[in-house]
PDB file of N, CA and C in Angstrom:
ATOM      1  N   MET A   1    -185.200 -19.145 -66.974  1.00  0.00           N
ATOM      2  CA  MET A   1    -186.261 -19.031 -65.997  1.00  0.00           C
ATOM      3  C   MET A   1    -186.102 -17.771 -65.142  1.00  0.00           C
ATOM      4  N   ASN A   2    -184.867 -17.453 -64.771  1.00  0.00           N
ATOM      5  CA  ASN A   2    -184.653 -16.268 -63.948  1.00  0.00           C
ATOM      6  C   ASN A   2    -184.984 -14.987 -64.686  1.00  0.00           C
ATOM      7  N   GLY A   3    -184.753 -14.956 -65.999  1.00  0.00           N
ATOM      8  CA  GLY A   3    -185.077 -13.776 -66.788  1.00  0.00           C
ATOM      9  C   GLY A   3    -186.567 -13.487 -66.778  1.00  0.00           C
ATOM     10  N   TRP A   4    -187.376 -14.546 -66.870  1.00  0.00           N
ATOM     11  CA  TRP A   4    -188.837 -14.354 -66.861  1.00  0.00           C
ATOM     12  C   TRP A   4    -189.325 -13.892 -65.505  1.00  0.00           C
ATOM     13  N   SER A   5    -188.790 -14.475 -64.441  1.00  0.00           N
ATOM     14  CA  SER A   5    -189.270 -14.087 -63.109  1.00  0.00           C
ATOM     15  C   SER A   5    -188.872 -12.654 -62.773  1.00  0.00           C
ATOM     16  N   SER A   6    -187.683 -12.238 -63.170  1.00  0.00           N
ATOM     17  CA  SER A   6    -187.287 -10.863 -62.869  1.00  0.00           C
ATOM     18  C   SER A   6    -188.077  -9.877 -63.719  1.00  0.00           C
ATOM     19  N   ALA A   7    -188.394 -10.250 -64.965  1.00  0.00           N
ATOM     20  CA  ALA A   7    -189.220  -9.375 -65.803  1.00  0.00           C
ATOM     21  C   ALA A   7    -190.631  -9.272 -65.244  1.00  0.00           C
ATOM     22  N   THR A   8    -191.149 -10.367 -64.743  1.00  0.00           N
ATOM     23  CA  THR A   8    -192.483 -10.362 -64.144  1.00  0.00           C
ATOM     24  C   THR A   8    -192.497  -9.516 -62.877  1.00  0.00           C
ATOM     25  N   GLU A   9    -191.456  -9.646 -62.072  1.00  0.00           N
ATOM     26  CA  GLU A   9    -191.370  -8.852 -60.854  1.00  0.00           C
ATOM     27  C   GLU A   9    -191.247  -7.368 -61.177  1.00  0.00           C
ATOM     28  N   ARG A  10    -190.470  -7.031 -62.217  1.00  0.00           N
ATOM     29  CA  ARG A  10    -190.348  -5.637 -62.619  1.00  0.00           C
ATOM     30  C   ARG A  10    -191.676  -5.088 -63.120  1.00  0.00           C
ATOM     31  N   GLY A  11    -192.416  -5.911 -63.876  1.00  0.00           N
ATOM     32  CA  GLY A  11    -193.729  -5.479 -64.364  1.00  0.00           C
ATOM     33  C   GLY A  11    -194.705  -5.257 -63.226  1.00  0.00           C
ATOM     34  N   ALA A  12    -194.677  -6.149 -62.236  1.00  0.00           N
ATOM     35  CA  ALA A  12    -195.549  -5.984 -61.076  1.00  0.00           C
ATOM     36  C   ALA A  12    -195.162  -4.740 -60.284  1.00  0.00           C
ATOM     37  N   LEU A  13    -193.873  -4.478 -60.174  1.00  0.00           N
ATOM     38  CA  LEU A  13    -193.410  -3.300 -59.453  1.00  0.00           C
ATOM     39  C   LEU A  13    -193.804  -2.023 -60.189  1.00  0.00           C
ATOM     40  N   MET A  14    -193.700  -2.038 -61.511  1.00  0.00           N
ATOM     41  CA  MET A  14    -194.086  -0.863 -62.300  1.00  0.00           C
ATOM     42  C   MET A  14    -195.574  -0.585 -62.158  1.00  0.00           C
ATOM     43  N   SER A  15    -196.416  -1.629 -62.211  1.00  0.00           N
ATOM     44  CA  SER A  15    -197.858  -1.408 -62.072  1.00  0.00           C
ATOM     45  C   SER A  15    -198.188  -0.928 -60.665  1.00  0.00           C
ATOM     46  N   TRP A  16    -197.477  -1.417 -59.658  1.00  0.00           N
ATOM     47  CA  TRP A  16    -197.710  -0.962 -58.284  1.00  0.00           C
ATOM     48  C   TRP A  16    -197.340   0.513 -58.130  1.00  0.00           C
ATOM     49  N   ARG A  17    -196.248   0.923 -58.753  1.00  0.00           N
ATOM     50  CA  ARG A  17    -195.842   2.329 -58.677  1.00  0.00           C
ATOM     51  C   ARG A  17    -196.859   3.226 -59.373  1.00  0.00           C
ATOM     52  N   PHE A  18    -197.380   2.759 -60.493  1.00  0.00           N
ATOM     53  CA  PHE A  18    -198.381   3.539 -61.218  1.00  0.00           C
ATOM     54  C   PHE A  18    -199.640   3.698 -60.373  1.00  0.00           C
ATOM     55  N   LEU A  19    -200.083   2.605 -59.744  1.00  0.00           N
ATOM     56  CA  LEU A  19    -201.282   2.684 -58.900  1.00  0.00           C
ATOM     57  C   LEU A  19    -201.045   3.548 -57.669  1.00  0.00           C
ATOM     58  N   SER A  20    -199.866   3.457 -57.091  1.00  0.00           N
ATOM     59  CA  SER A  20    -199.597   4.285 -55.910  1.00  0.00           C
ATOM     60  C   SER A  20    -199.507   5.759 -56.283  1.00  0.00           C
ATOM     61  N   ALA A  21    -199.110   6.068 -57.506  1.00  0.00           N
ATOM     62  CA  ALA A  21    -199.074   7.461 -57.944  1.00  0.00           C
ATOM     63  C   ALA A  21    -200.471   7.995 -58.224  1.00  0.00           C
ATOM     64  N   LEU A  22    -201.418   7.116 -58.527  1.00  0.00           N
ATOM     65  CA  LEU A  22    -202.792   7.539 -58.794  1.00  0.00           C
ATOM     66  C   LEU A  22    -203.602   7.790 -57.528  1.00  0.00           C
ATOM     67  N   VAL A  23    -203.229   7.205 -56.428  1.00  0.00           N
ATOM     68  CA  VAL A  23    -204.012   7.311 -55.195  1.00  0.00           C
ATOM     69  C   VAL A  23    -204.211   8.763 -54.747  1.00  0.00           C
ATOM     70  N   PRO A  24    -203.187   9.612 -54.682  1.00  0.00           N
ATOM     71  CA  PRO A  24    -203.423  10.996 -54.251  1.00  0.00           C
ATOM     72  C   PRO A  24    -204.352  11.758 -55.181  1.00  0.00           C
ATOM     73  N   VAL A  25    -204.197  11.552 -56.479  1.00  0.00           N
ATOM     74  CA  VAL A  25    -205.036  12.262 -57.442  1.00  0.00           C
ATOM     75  C   VAL A  25    -206.487  11.792 -57.322  1.00  0.00           C
ATOM     76  N   LEU A  26    -206.679  10.494 -57.192  1.00  0.00           N
ATOM     77  CA  LEU A  26    -208.039   9.980 -57.045  1.00  0.00           C
ATOM     78  C   LEU A  26    -208.671  10.448 -55.740  1.00  0.00           C
ATOM     79  N   CYS A  27    -207.881  10.554 -54.682  1.00  0.00           N
ATOM     80  CA  CYS A  27    -208.409  11.094 -53.417  1.00  0.00           C
ATOM     81  C   CYS A  27    -208.861  12.545 -53.606  1.00  0.00           C
ATOM     82  N   GLY A  28    -208.105  13.308 -54.350  1.00  0.00           N
ATOM     83  CA  GLY A  28    -208.481  14.697 -54.617  1.00  0.00           C
ATOM     84  C   GLY A  28    -209.767  14.797 -55.421  1.00  0.00           C
ATOM     85  N   PHE A  29    -209.887  13.990 -56.473  1.00  0.00           N
ATOM     86  CA  PHE A  29    -211.101  14.010 -57.281  1.00  0.00           C
ATOM     87  C   PHE A  29    -212.313  13.541 -56.481  1.00  0.00           C
ATOM     88  N   LEU A  30    -212.123  12.534 -55.632  1.00  0.00           N
ATOM     89  CA  LEU A  30    -213.223  12.056 -54.793  1.00  0.00           C
ATOM     90  C   LEU A  30    -213.646  13.122 -53.792  1.00  0.00           C
ATOM     91  N   ALA A  31    -212.698  13.840 -53.217  1.00  0.00           N
ATOM     92  CA  ALA A  31    -213.031  14.911 -52.271  1.00  0.00           C
ATOM     93  C   ALA A  31    -213.794  16.033 -52.965  1.00  0.00           C
ATOM     94  N   VAL A  32    -213.431  16.343 -54.206  1.00  0.00           N
ATOM     95  CA  VAL A  32    -214.151  17.372 -54.959  1.00  0.00           C
ATOM     96  C   VAL A  32    -215.573  16.917 -55.235  1.00  0.00           C
ATOM     97  N   LEU A  33    -215.739  15.656 -55.600  1.00  0.00           N
ATOM     98  CA  LEU A  33    -217.093  15.144 -55.847  1.00  0.00           C
ATOM     99  C   LEU A  33    -217.949  15.192 -54.585  1.00  0.00           C
ATOM    100  N   VAL A  34    -217.375  14.822 -53.462  1.00  0.00           N
ATOM    101  CA  VAL A  34    -218.128  14.833 -52.199  1.00  0.00           C
ATOM    102  C   VAL A  34    -218.495  16.258 -51.807  1.00  0.00           C
ATOM    103  N   SER A  35    -217.580  17.204 -52.007  1.00  0.00           N
ATOM    104  CA  SER A  35    -217.877  18.575 -51.606  1.00  0.00           C
ATOM    105  C   SER A  35    -218.924  19.231 -52.500  1.00  0.00           C
ATOM    106  N   ASN A  36    -219.125  18.704 -53.686  1.00  0.00           N
ATOM    107  CA  ASN A  36    -220.099  19.293 -54.601  1.00  0.00           C
ATOM    108  C   ASN A  36    -221.401  18.511 -54.682  1.00  0.00           C
ATOM    109  N   LEU A  37    -221.618  17.603 -53.747  1.00  0.00           N
ATOM    110  CA  LEU A  37    -222.901  16.908 -53.708  1.00  0.00           C
ATOM    111  C   LEU A  37    -224.010  17.912 -53.388  1.00  0.00           C
ATOM    112  N   PRO A  38    -225.165  17.757 -53.999  1.00  0.00           N
ATOM    113  CA  PRO A  38    -226.241  18.731 -53.759  1.00  0.00           C
ATOM    114  C   PRO A  38    -226.971  18.498 -52.433  1.00  0.00           C
ATOM    115  N   LEU A  39    -226.223  18.389 -51.349  1.00  0.00           N
ATOM    116  CA  LEU A  39    -226.788  18.222 -50.013  1.00  0.00           C
ATOM    117  C   LEU A  39    -226.341  19.390 -49.149  1.00  0.00           C
ATOM    118  N   SER A  40    -227.258  19.943 -48.393  1.00  0.00           N
ATOM    119  CA  SER A  40    -226.898  21.059 -47.532  1.00  0.00           C
ATOM    120  C   SER A  40    -227.732  21.019 -46.264  1.00  0.00           C
ATOM    121  N   LEU A  41    -227.071  21.134 -45.137  1.00  0.00           N
ATOM    122  CA  LEU A  41    -227.765  21.192 -43.855  1.00  0.00           C
ATOM    123  C   LEU A  41    -228.141  22.627 -43.490  1.00  0.00           C
ATOM    124  N   THR A  42    -227.537  23.589 -44.169  1.00  0.00           N
ATOM    125  CA  THR A  42    -227.766  24.991 -43.838  1.00  0.00           C
ATOM    126  C   THR A  42    -228.595  25.722 -44.895  1.00  0.00           C
ATOM    127  N   ASN A  43    -229.198  24.995 -45.806  1.00  0.00           N
ATOM    128  CA  ASN A  43    -230.035  25.581 -46.869  1.00  0.00           C
ATOM    129  C   ASN A  43    -229.272  26.579 -47.731  1.00  0.00           C
ATOM    130  N   GLY A  44    -228.007  26.341 -47.950  1.00  0.00           N
ATOM    131  CA  GLY A  44    -227.212  27.196 -48.817  1.00  0.00           C
ATOM    132  C   GLY A  44    -226.722  28.478 -48.169  1.00  0.00           C
ATOM    133  N   LEU A  45    -226.882  28.640 -46.873  1.00  0.00           N
ATOM    134  CA  LEU A  45    -226.407  29.852 -46.199  1.00  0.00           C
ATOM    135  C   LEU A  45    -224.889  29.861 -46.054  1.00  0.00           C
ATOM    136  N   VAL A  46    -224.304  28.681 -45.959  1.00  0.00           N
ATOM    137  CA  VAL A  46    -222.861  28.552 -45.822  1.00  0.00           C
ATOM    138  C   VAL A  46    -222.338  27.906 -47.106  1.00  0.00           C
ATOM    139  N   PRO A  47    -221.308  28.473 -47.714  1.00  0.00           N
ATOM    140  CA  PRO A  47    -220.793  27.871 -48.950  1.00  0.00           C
ATOM    141  C   PRO A  47    -220.182  26.497 -48.693  1.00  0.00           C
ATOM    142  N   ALA A  48    -220.146  25.700 -49.742  1.00  0.00           N
ATOM    143  CA  ALA A  48    -219.575  24.358 -49.630  1.00  0.00           C
ATOM    144  C   ALA A  48    -218.075  24.455 -49.344  1.00  0.00           C
ATOM    145  N   PRO A  49    -217.564  23.568 -48.509  1.00  0.00           N
ATOM    146  CA  PRO A  49    -216.123  23.619 -48.202  1.00  0.00           C
ATOM    147  C   PRO A  49    -215.294  23.155 -49.400  1.00  0.00           C
ATOM    148  N   LEU A  50    -214.079  23.612 -49.460  1.00  0.00           N
ATOM    149  CA  LEU A  50    -213.160  23.184 -50.507  1.00  0.00           C
ATOM    150  C   LEU A  50    -212.423  21.933 -50.030  1.00  0.00           C
ATOM    151  N   LEU A  51    -213.121  20.815 -50.071  1.00  0.00           N
ATOM    152  CA  LEU A  51    -212.528  19.573 -49.591  1.00  0.00           C
ATOM    153  C   LEU A  51    -211.403  19.075 -50.483  1.00  0.00           C
ATOM    154  N   GLY A  52    -211.297  19.610 -51.682  1.00  0.00           N
ATOM    155  CA  GLY A  52    -210.199  19.224 -52.555  1.00  0.00           C
ATOM    156  C   GLY A  52    -208.840  19.636 -52.010  1.00  0.00           C
ATOM    157  N   LEU A  53    -208.821  20.634 -51.116  1.00  0.00           N
ATOM    158  CA  LEU A  53    -207.550  21.052 -50.516  1.00  0.00           C
ATOM    159  C   LEU A  53    -207.047  20.056 -49.475  1.00  0.00           C
ATOM    160  N   VAL A  54    -207.927  19.246 -48.920  1.00  0.00           N
ATOM    161  CA  VAL A  54    -207.524  18.305 -47.871  1.00  0.00           C
ATOM    162  C   VAL A  54    -206.523  17.275 -48.406  1.00  0.00           C
ATOM    163  N   PRO A  55    -206.822  16.561 -49.516  1.00  0.00           N
ATOM    164  CA  PRO A  55    -205.806  15.620 -50.007  1.00  0.00           C
ATOM    165  C   PRO A  55    -204.551  16.313 -50.527  1.00  0.00           C
ATOM    166  N   ILE A  56    -204.694  17.532 -51.042  1.00  0.00           N
ATOM    167  CA  ILE A  56    -203.508  18.253 -51.509  1.00  0.00           C
ATOM    168  C   ILE A  56    -202.577  18.534 -50.327  1.00  0.00           C
ATOM    169  N   TYR A  57    -203.144  18.982 -49.231  1.00  0.00           N
ATOM    170  CA  TYR A  57    -202.338  19.259 -48.043  1.00  0.00           C
ATOM    171  C   TYR A  57    -201.746  17.977 -47.470  1.00  0.00           C
ATOM    172  N   PHE A  58    -202.589  16.932 -47.347  1.00  0.00           N
ATOM    173  CA  PHE A  58    -202.129  15.680 -46.750  1.00  0.00           C
ATOM    174  C   PHE A  58    -201.013  15.049 -47.574  1.00  0.00           C
ATOM    175  N   TRP A  59    -201.243  14.888 -48.873  1.00  0.00           N
ATOM    176  CA  TRP A  59    -200.231  14.237 -49.708  1.00  0.00           C
ATOM    177  C   TRP A  59    -199.025  15.141 -49.910  1.00  0.00           C
ATOM    178  N   GLY A  60    -199.196  16.449 -49.775  1.00  0.00           N
ATOM    179  CA  GLY A  60    -198.047  17.338 -49.814  1.00  0.00           C
ATOM    180  C   GLY A  60    -197.154  17.143 -48.601  1.00  0.00           C
ATOM    181  N   LEU A  61    -197.745  16.755 -47.471  1.00  0.00           N
ATOM    182  CA  LEU A  61    -196.958  16.450 -46.275  1.00  0.00           C
ATOM    183  C   LEU A  61    -196.352  15.065 -46.323  1.00  0.00           C
ATOM    184  N   VAL A  62    -197.163  14.067 -46.682  1.00  0.00           N
ATOM    185  CA  VAL A  62    -196.737  12.675 -46.611  1.00  0.00           C
ATOM    186  C   VAL A  62    -195.814  12.305 -47.767  1.00  0.00           C
ATOM    187  N   ARG A  63    -196.282  12.526 -48.989  1.00  0.00           N
ATOM    188  CA  ARG A  63    -195.504  12.178 -50.182  1.00  0.00           C
ATOM    189  C   ARG A  63    -195.597  13.295 -51.208  1.00  0.00           C
ATOM    190  N   PRO A  64    -194.825  14.347 -51.071  1.00  0.00           N
ATOM    191  CA  PRO A  64    -194.925  15.463 -52.014  1.00  0.00           C
ATOM    192  C   PRO A  64    -194.547  15.081 -53.440  1.00  0.00           C
ATOM    193  N   ASP A  65    -193.809  13.989 -53.613  1.00  0.00           N
ATOM    194  CA  ASP A  65    -193.460  13.573 -54.965  1.00  0.00           C
ATOM    195  C   ASP A  65    -194.660  13.003 -55.715  1.00  0.00           C
ATOM    196  N   LEU A  66    -195.685  12.566 -55.002  1.00  0.00           N
ATOM    197  CA  LEU A  66    -196.871  12.016 -55.658  1.00  0.00           C
ATOM    198  C   LEU A  66    -197.921  13.077 -55.963  1.00  0.00           C
ATOM    199  N   MET A  67    -197.915  14.189 -55.232  1.00  0.00           N
ATOM    200  CA  MET A  67    -198.876  15.266 -55.496  1.00  0.00           C
ATOM    201  C   MET A  67    -198.161  16.342 -56.298  1.00  0.00           C
ATOM    202  N   THR A  68    -198.162  16.165 -57.603  1.00  0.00           N
ATOM    203  CA  THR A  68    -197.440  17.072 -58.499  1.00  0.00           C
ATOM    204  C   THR A  68    -198.277  18.326 -58.768  1.00  0.00           C
ATOM    205  N   PRO A  69    -197.661  19.401 -59.203  1.00  0.00           N
ATOM    206  CA  PRO A  69    -198.423  20.600 -59.556  1.00  0.00           C
ATOM    207  C   PRO A  69    -199.451  20.358 -60.667  1.00  0.00           C
ATOM    208  N   ALA A  70    -199.155  19.451 -61.593  1.00  0.00           N
ATOM    209  CA  ALA A  70    -200.125  19.128 -62.643  1.00  0.00           C
ATOM    210  C   ALA A  70    -201.365  18.461 -62.047  1.00  0.00           C
ATOM    211  N   ALA A  71    -201.167  17.590 -61.058  1.00  0.00           N
ATOM    212  CA  ALA A  71    -202.303  16.950 -60.403  1.00  0.00           C
ATOM    213  C   ALA A  71    -203.120  17.971 -59.622  1.00  0.00           C
ATOM    214  N   VAL A  72    -202.436  18.908 -58.967  1.00  0.00           N
ATOM    215  CA  VAL A  72    -203.130  19.963 -58.223  1.00  0.00           C
ATOM    216  C   VAL A  72    -203.932  20.838 -59.177  1.00  0.00           C
ATOM    217  N   PHE A  73    -203.348  21.158 -60.323  1.00  0.00           N
ATOM    218  CA  PHE A  73    -204.054  21.947 -61.322  1.00  0.00           C
ATOM    219  C   PHE A  73    -205.292  21.203 -61.813  1.00  0.00           C
ATOM    220  N   GLY A  74    -205.167  19.892 -62.049  1.00  0.00           N
ATOM    221  CA  GLY A  74    -206.310  19.097 -62.487  1.00  0.00           C
ATOM    222  C   GLY A  74    -207.411  19.037 -61.442  1.00  0.00           C
ATOM    223  N   ILE A  75    -207.042  18.895 -60.183  1.00  0.00           N
ATOM    224  CA  ILE A  75    -208.029  18.864 -59.104  1.00  0.00           C
ATOM    225  C   ILE A  75    -208.718  20.222 -58.994  1.00  0.00           C
ATOM    226  N   GLY A  76    -207.948  21.303 -59.117  1.00  0.00           N
ATOM    227  CA  GLY A  76    -208.541  22.639 -59.070  1.00  0.00           C
ATOM    228  C   GLY A  76    -209.471  22.899 -60.235  1.00  0.00           C
ATOM    229  N   LEU A  77    -209.095  22.452 -61.415  1.00  0.00           N
ATOM    230  CA  LEU A  77    -209.949  22.606 -62.584  1.00  0.00           C
ATOM    231  C   LEU A  77    -211.230  21.798 -62.430  1.00  0.00           C
ATOM    232  N   PHE A  78    -211.108  20.594 -61.888  1.00  0.00           N
ATOM    233  CA  PHE A  78    -212.284  19.754 -61.630  1.00  0.00           C
ATOM    234  C   PHE A  78    -213.199  20.411 -60.596  1.00  0.00           C
ATOM    235  N   GLN A  79    -212.612  21.051 -59.583  1.00  0.00           N
ATOM    236  CA  GLN A  79    -213.392  21.780 -58.578  1.00  0.00           C
ATOM    237  C   GLN A  79    -214.156  22.931 -59.224  1.00  0.00           C
ATOM    238  N   ASP A  80    -213.491  23.647 -60.104  1.00  0.00           N
ATOM    239  CA  ASP A  80    -214.147  24.771 -60.786  1.00  0.00           C
ATOM    240  C   ASP A  80    -215.309  24.298 -61.648  1.00  0.00           C
ATOM    241  N   ILE A  81    -215.085  23.274 -62.419  1.00  0.00           N
ATOM    242  CA  ILE A  81    -216.127  22.784 -63.333  1.00  0.00           C
ATOM    243  C   ILE A  81    -217.316  22.236 -62.559  1.00  0.00           C
ATOM    244  N   ASN A  82    -217.054  21.459 -61.513  1.00  0.00           N
ATOM    245  CA  ASN A  82    -218.160  20.887 -60.729  1.00  0.00           C
ATOM    246  C   ASN A  82    -218.851  21.919 -59.860  1.00  0.00           C
ATOM    247  N   GLY A  83    -218.152  22.965 -59.451  1.00  0.00           N
ATOM    248  CA  GLY A  83    -218.741  23.984 -58.593  1.00  0.00           C
ATOM    249  C   GLY A  83    -219.486  25.060 -59.362  1.00  0.00           C
ATOM    250  N   GLY A  84    -219.447  25.019 -60.680  1.00  0.00           N
ATOM    251  CA  GLY A  84    -220.160  25.998 -61.481  1.00  0.00           C
ATOM    252  C   GLY A  84    -219.435  27.323 -61.617  1.00  0.00           C
ATOM    253  N   ARG A  85    -218.140  27.340 -61.342  1.00  0.00           N
ATOM    254  CA  ARG A  85    -217.350  28.554 -61.486  1.00  0.00           C
ATOM    255  C   ARG A  85    -216.647  28.548 -62.843  1.00  0.00           C
ATOM    256  N   PRO A  86    -216.149  29.702 -63.261  1.00  0.00           N
ATOM    257  CA  PRO A  86    -215.379  29.714 -64.509  1.00  0.00           C
ATOM    258  C   PRO A  86    -214.133  28.844 -64.374  1.00  0.00           C
ATOM    259  N   ALA A  87    -213.810  28.140 -65.423  1.00  0.00           N
ATOM    260  CA  ALA A  87    -212.653  27.236 -65.385  1.00  0.00           C
ATOM    261  C   ALA A  87    -211.376  28.025 -65.143  1.00  0.00           C
ATOM    262  N   GLY A  88    -210.619  27.590 -64.160  1.00  0.00           N
ATOM    263  CA  GLY A  88    -209.361  28.246 -63.826  1.00  0.00           C
ATOM    264  C   GLY A  88    -209.465  29.267 -62.719  1.00  0.00           C
ATOM    265  N   GLY A  89    -210.633  29.445 -62.147  1.00  0.00           N
ATOM    266  CA  GLY A  89    -210.815  30.440 -61.102  1.00  0.00           C
ATOM    267  C   GLY A  89    -210.110  30.095 -59.809  1.00  0.00           C
ATOM    268  N   LEU A  90    -210.178  28.837 -59.402  1.00  0.00           N
ATOM    269  CA  LEU A  90    -209.552  28.426 -58.146  1.00  0.00           C
ATOM    270  C   LEU A  90    -208.186  27.784 -58.345  1.00  0.00           C
ATOM    271  N   ASP A  91    -207.769  27.582 -59.570  1.00  0.00           N
ATOM    272  CA  ASP A  91    -206.482  26.936 -59.802  1.00  0.00           C
ATOM    273  C   ASP A  91    -205.316  27.685 -59.189  1.00  0.00           C
ATOM    274  N   PRO A  92    -205.269  29.018 -59.289  1.00  0.00           N
ATOM    275  CA  PRO A  92    -204.150  29.710 -58.620  1.00  0.00           C
ATOM    276  C   PRO A  92    -204.151  29.490 -57.108  1.00  0.00           C
ATOM    277  N   VAL A  93    -205.338  29.402 -56.505  1.00  0.00           N
ATOM    278  CA  VAL A  93    -205.421  29.168 -55.064  1.00  0.00           C
ATOM    279  C   VAL A  93    -204.851  27.796 -54.729  1.00  0.00           C
ATOM    280  N   PHE A  94    -205.240  26.785 -55.490  1.00  0.00           N
ATOM    281  CA  PHE A  94    -204.775  25.428 -55.228  1.00  0.00           C
ATOM    282  C   PHE A  94    -203.265  25.336 -55.448  1.00  0.00           C
ATOM    283  N   CYS A  95    -202.768  25.880 -56.555  1.00  0.00           N
ATOM    284  CA  CYS A  95    -201.333  25.778 -56.862  1.00  0.00           C
ATOM    285  C   CYS A  95    -200.483  26.607 -55.899  1.00  0.00           C
ATOM    286  N   ASP A  96    -200.955  27.790 -55.500  1.00  0.00           N
ATOM    287  CA  ASP A  96    -200.217  28.587 -54.520  1.00  0.00           C
ATOM    288  C   ASP A  96    -200.179  27.898 -53.168  1.00  0.00           C
ATOM    289  N   TYR A  97    -201.248  27.221 -52.830  1.00  0.00           N
ATOM    290  CA  TYR A  97    -201.295  26.487 -51.568  1.00  0.00           C
ATOM    291  C   TYR A  97    -200.226  25.408 -51.553  1.00  0.00           C
ATOM    292  N   LEU A  98    -200.131  24.661 -52.654  1.00  0.00           N
ATOM    293  CA  LEU A  98    -199.131  23.608 -52.725  1.00  0.00           C
ATOM    294  C   LEU A  98    -197.730  24.192 -52.763  1.00  0.00           C
ATOM    295  N   ARG A  99    -197.515  25.269 -53.515  1.00  0.00           N
ATOM    296  CA  ARG A  99    -196.190  25.872 -53.617  1.00  0.00           C
ATOM    297  C   ARG A  99    -195.737  26.414 -52.267  1.00  0.00           C
ATOM    298  N   GLY A 100    -196.625  27.068 -51.551  1.00  0.00           N
ATOM    299  CA  GLY A 100    -196.279  27.590 -50.238  1.00  0.00           C
ATOM    300  C   GLY A 100    -195.996  26.488 -49.240  1.00  0.00           C
ATOM    301  N   HIS A 101    -196.703  25.393 -49.373  1.00  0.00           N
ATOM    302  CA  HIS A 101    -196.484  24.283 -48.454  1.00  0.00           C
ATOM    303  C   HIS A 101    -195.161  23.591 -48.761  1.00  0.00           C
ATOM    304  N   ARG A 102    -194.810  23.468 -50.023  1.00  0.00           N
ATOM    305  CA  ARG A 102    -193.560  22.793 -50.372  1.00  0.00           C
ATOM    306  C   ARG A 102    -192.351  23.605 -49.922  1.00  0.00           C
ATOM    307  N   THR A 103    -192.440  24.922 -49.952  1.00  0.00           N
ATOM    308  CA  THR A 103    -191.302  25.725 -49.515  1.00  0.00           C
ATOM    309  C   THR A 103    -191.185  25.747 -48.000  1.00  0.00           C
ATOM    310  N   ALA A 104    -192.303  25.489 -47.297  1.00  0.00           N
ATOM    311  CA  ALA A 104    -192.268  25.501 -45.835  1.00  0.00           C
ATOM    312  C   ALA A 104    -191.632  24.244 -45.264  1.00  0.00           C
ATOM    313  N   THR A 105    -191.671  23.130 -46.004  1.00  0.00           N
ATOM    314  CA  THR A 105    -191.144  21.878 -45.459  1.00  0.00           C
ATOM    315  C   THR A 105    -189.722  21.636 -45.793  1.00  0.00           C
TER     316      THR A 105
END
């Protein structure tokens, strides 16, 4: 009986860790989607903000182990594709931002 309960607890812990690792990435993708909504109060005079940098900065401060460079690259690529820019245009900006922040802390 103890073997089953410990295996069940380990499985629940593994699924919880997987979900907690997805939260920063999903926050980044959601921020990119919100920043690229076709709504503008300024009639396009002001460019859309790069809201994808907000979760990168926040999770880089709170839990840098969860915001990996691969996740930052994916968020930057998603920003490029949704913003109508060439793929990979903003990725160096996103990755340099994270790299500079990690060395500062």
